[in-house]
Structures are given as structure tokens and as C-alpha cells.
Amino acid sequence: MKRCGRRILGGILEKAQGFKFYSALVKKLMKEDVQYQRASSDEAYSISHHYGAKHRPEIERLTNVLSEQFERTEDSDYCVIAMRKSRVVGSVTLTEFPESDSPYEGWWIFGLWVNWRYRGMGIGEKMVKIVLEKAAKDDASEVKLLVFKDAKRAIRLYQKVGFRQISIPELDRQLVREAEKSSRRRIILAKDLKSS
């Protein structure tokens, strides 16, 4: 019963988040209540639970993997988190792959998420802008990402900050095969940082 009520309230909140007045009101109420920072091992547990480690013990080791990754600050992975009242409410990771990792060479954004209660407040957009600034500072000419074709809100967010759909033939073939198995198709988006 409790779960059904939460699902109904979640559905109502999701609908409200689609309206501009909701976004404006919440941004005004929250003001500067959200802080953005590079993730450290302290946040690995919270982030791994978003990805399902709490309910899927087989990926519990994800906490350890993330913790080790966040400690190696010299690595090419750069994870930004959004914090509100000492709680992680969102994260996104920027990764640079070498040419040997074709078709993934270059700079990529992975794992953008915002807790459902905080969507529509500009948190995802702010985190994406932060990692784009980091990529530009590190002389990236382009940043790419994968997103599900039916994720309309996510695609609108990425387009708002300048991403456009592109094709990488080798990767496109992989994504088509993936869609045949899962029935969901991912597409490639990219942002040119040299013209920004």
C-alpha cells in the first residue's frame, strides 16, 4: 500500500516537473541550496546505490570501484556531484578515452542522473556545464554521449546546452545490435567545444 502511494505521488511530481512554473518556483525556493563539487570516495556509496547496488548485491562492489576511482584524481575520469543538505542528489562523469579505444576515443559523458525529487530544477544542466568546462579546459575539441532515443527530457537538456545527434558508423552498428536485444535504442550526441 505504501509503495502504491509513493508511486502515485511520484507520478504527480513527475508531471509537475514538466511545467515551467514548477521549475521557476522550486529554483526560487532552493536558491543556492545545491552545491556542486568533484566526487570523492566519501560519496561513492551514495552514487553506487543510485545505480542499484542497494537492491542488487552482485554490483555491491561498485562502491569499492567508485571509491578507488574517485581517489585517483590524476585519472581521466572526472565525476561531478550535486549535494543538498549533505546528500548526493545527482552526478555525472566525464571520461577521456585514448585512440586505442575506438569507437569511443575522445571525451565522453556518462551516468548523468538527478534524484527524481530534484528534477526540473536545473541541476542536471548545471552539472553538464561543469564537465563541459572541464573538458574545454583540458583542450577537448568535442564531447560525446549516449542517450536512449525515447528519453525526451534528457535529449532536450543536452540540446539546450548545444549537443546534436551524430553518427559513428562502427558504434551505430553496435547500438543497433543492442536495440535488437533490449528493444531500446541509444543514439550518439556530441557538442563541438571549439565553436562554443
Foldseek 3Di string as FASTA:
>chain_A
DVVVVVVVVLVVLVVLLVDLVSQVVVCVVCPPQKDKDWDALVCLQQLVVVVPCVPDVVCVCSSVVVNVVRVPVVAQKTKMFIDGPNHTFWIKIKGADPPVPPPPHFIEIDDTDGHSNCPSNCPSLVRVVVVLVVCVVVVGQKYKYKDWPPPVVVVVSVVVVAKDFDDDPVVQVVQVVVCVVVVIGITMIMHGPVVD
